[in-house]
């Protein structure tokens, strides 16, 4: 669970950095890229929080094999993004 909390915190910090950068840039292309990055980070944050809730409800899911499955699923989701 500690690893999950670190990932959530790291993700939130990255999202905050992207949002700060978005507020300070005037370049439309950079804004669009930052918006897409922020959307990806937001979706990842939601998924991590859902996983954390599932693990809290169902501790049996905290096995190494299940964690590997979740990571591979996340990678597939990230790679499928345009």
C-alpha atoms as a PDB file:
ATOM      1  CA  UNK A   1       0.000   0.000   0.000  1.00  0.00           C
ATOM      2  CA  UNK A   2       2.957   2.318   0.649  1.00  0.00           C
ATOM      3  CA  UNK A   3       4.047   2.007  -2.968  1.00  0.00           C
ATOM      4  CA  UNK A   4       0.538   2.930  -4.101  1.00  0.00           C
ATOM      5  CA  UNK A   5       0.537   6.021  -1.863  1.00  0.00           C
ATOM      6  CA  UNK A   6       3.915   7.122  -3.253  1.00  0.00           C
ATOM      7  CA  UNK A   7       2.660   6.680  -6.815  1.00  0.00           C
ATOM      8  CA  UNK A   8      -0.463   8.708  -6.061  1.00  0.00           C
ATOM      9  CA  UNK A   9       1.580  11.494  -4.452  1.00  0.00           C
ATOM     10  CA  UNK A  10       4.102  11.513  -7.309  1.00  0.00           C
ATOM     11  CA  UNK A  11       1.280  11.695  -9.830  1.00  0.00           C
ATOM     12  CA  UNK A  12      -0.391  14.564  -7.982  1.00  0.00           C
ATOM     13  CA  UNK A  13       2.890  16.481  -7.830  1.00  0.00           C
ATOM     14  CA  UNK A  14       3.416  16.019 -11.570  1.00  0.00           C
ATOM     15  CA  UNK A  15      -0.125  17.202 -12.233  1.00  0.00           C
ATOM     16  CA  UNK A  16       0.468  20.315 -10.115  1.00  0.00           C
ATOM     17  CA  UNK A  17       3.691  21.065 -12.032  1.00  0.00           C
ATOM     18  CA  UNK A  18       1.908  20.693 -15.363  1.00  0.00           C
ATOM     19  CA  UNK A  19      -0.929  22.940 -14.197  1.00  0.00           C
ATOM     20  CA  UNK A  20       1.537  25.617 -13.035  1.00  0.00           C
ATOM     21  CA  UNK A  21       3.353  25.469 -16.362  1.00  0.00           C
ATOM     22  CA  UNK A  22       0.022  25.696 -18.170  1.00  0.00           C
ATOM     23  CA  UNK A  23      -0.780  28.919 -16.327  1.00  0.00           C
ATOM     24  CA  UNK A  24       2.505  30.526 -17.325  1.00  0.00           C
ATOM     25  CA  UNK A  25       2.741  29.675 -21.026  1.00  0.00           C
ATOM     26  CA  UNK A  26       1.210  31.636 -23.875  1.00  0.00           C
ATOM     27  CA  UNK A  27       2.216  29.320 -26.709  1.00  0.00           C
ATOM     28  CA  UNK A  28      -0.917  27.534 -28.042  1.00  0.00           C
ATOM     29  CA  UNK A  29       0.995  24.400 -29.044  1.00  0.00           C
ATOM     30  CA  UNK A  30       2.641  24.106 -25.631  1.00  0.00           C
ATOM     31  CA  UNK A  31      -0.727  24.700 -23.979  1.00  0.00           C
ATOM     32  CA  UNK A  32      -2.314  21.884 -25.996  1.00  0.00           C
ATOM     33  CA  UNK A  33       0.512  19.462 -25.138  1.00  0.00           C
ATOM     34  CA  UNK A  34       0.307  20.399 -21.451  1.00  0.00           C
ATOM     35  CA  UNK A  35      -3.471  19.969 -21.474  1.00  0.00           C
ATOM     36  CA  UNK A  36      -3.120  16.479 -22.945  1.00  0.00           C
ATOM     37  CA  UNK A  37      -0.467  15.615 -20.384  1.00  0.00           C
ATOM     38  CA  UNK A  38      -2.679  16.916 -17.580  1.00  0.00           C
ATOM     39  CA  UNK A  39      -5.584  14.789 -18.836  1.00  0.00           C
ATOM     40  CA  UNK A  40      -3.374  11.684 -18.881  1.00  0.00           C
ATOM     41  CA  UNK A  41      -2.100  12.374 -15.381  1.00  0.00           C
ATOM     42  CA  UNK A  42      -5.654  12.977 -14.160  1.00  0.00           C
ATOM     43  CA  UNK A  43      -6.876   9.687 -15.621  1.00  0.00           C
ATOM     44  CA  UNK A  44      -3.911   7.863 -14.120  1.00  0.00           C
ATOM     45  CA  UNK A  45      -4.623   9.457 -10.727  1.00  0.00           C
ATOM     46  CA  UNK A  46      -8.233   8.310 -10.855  1.00  0.00           C
ATOM     47  CA  UNK A  47      -7.148   4.769 -11.756  1.00  0.00           C
ATOM     48  CA  UNK A  48      -4.588   4.675  -8.936  1.00  0.00           C
ATOM     49  CA  UNK A  49      -7.172   5.839  -6.413  1.00  0.00           C
ATOM     50  CA  UNK A  50      -9.637   3.206  -7.620  1.00  0.00           C
ATOM     51  CA  UNK A  51      -6.956   0.540  -7.297  1.00  0.00           C
ATOM     52  CA  UNK A  52      -6.135   1.723  -3.789  1.00  0.00           C
ATOM     53  CA  UNK A  53      -9.800   1.503  -2.795  1.00  0.00           C
ATOM     54  CA  UNK A  54     -10.019  -2.007  -4.263  1.00  0.00           C
ATOM     55  CA  UNK A  55      -6.929  -3.089  -2.349  1.00  0.00           C
ATOM     56  CA  UNK A  56      -8.355  -1.690   0.878  1.00  0.00           C
ATOM     57  CA  UNK A  57     -11.630  -3.544   0.315  1.00  0.00           C
ATOM     58  CA  UNK A  58     -10.045  -6.751  -0.880  1.00  0.00           C
ATOM     59  CA  UNK A  59      -6.570  -7.287   0.615  1.00  0.00           C
ATOM     60  CA  UNK A  60      -6.117 -10.548  -1.301  1.00  0.00           C
ATOM     61  CA  UNK A  61      -5.574  -8.378  -4.372  1.00  0.00           C
ATOM     62  CA  UNK A  62      -2.307  -7.196  -2.867  1.00  0.00           C
ATOM     63  CA  UNK A  63      -0.379 -10.119  -4.296  1.00  0.00           C
ATOM     64  CA  UNK A  64       2.662  -9.630  -6.486  1.00  0.00           C
ATOM     65  CA  UNK A  65       1.072 -11.372  -9.455  1.00  0.00           C
ATOM     66  CA  UNK A  66      -1.995  -9.145  -9.246  1.00  0.00           C
ATOM     67  CA  UNK A  67       0.204  -6.038  -8.996  1.00  0.00           C
ATOM     68  CA  UNK A  68       2.074  -7.119 -12.119  1.00  0.00           C
ATOM     69  CA  UNK A  69      -1.252  -7.588 -13.887  1.00  0.00           C
ATOM     70  CA  UNK A  70      -2.347  -4.077 -12.892  1.00  0.00           C
ATOM     71  CA  UNK A  71       0.917  -2.557 -14.068  1.00  0.00           C
ATOM     72  CA  UNK A  72       0.697  -4.304 -17.432  1.00  0.00           C
ATOM     73  CA  UNK A  73      -2.903  -3.129 -17.756  1.00  0.00           C
ATOM     74  CA  UNK A  74      -1.854   0.463 -17.009  1.00  0.00           C
ATOM     75  CA  UNK A  75       0.904   0.265 -19.614  1.00  0.00           C
ATOM     76  CA  UNK A  76      -1.584  -0.978 -22.192  1.00  0.00           C
ATOM     77  CA  UNK A  77      -3.885   1.944 -21.383  1.00  0.00           C
ATOM     78  CA  UNK A  78      -1.082   4.474 -21.658  1.00  0.00           C
ATOM     79  CA  UNK A  79       0.178   3.013 -24.931  1.00  0.00           C
ATOM     80  CA  UNK A  80      -3.298   3.027 -26.440  1.00  0.00           C
ATOM     81  CA  UNK A  81      -3.655   6.781 -25.970  1.00  0.00           C
ATOM     82  CA  UNK A  82      -3.359   8.834 -29.159  1.00  0.00           C
END
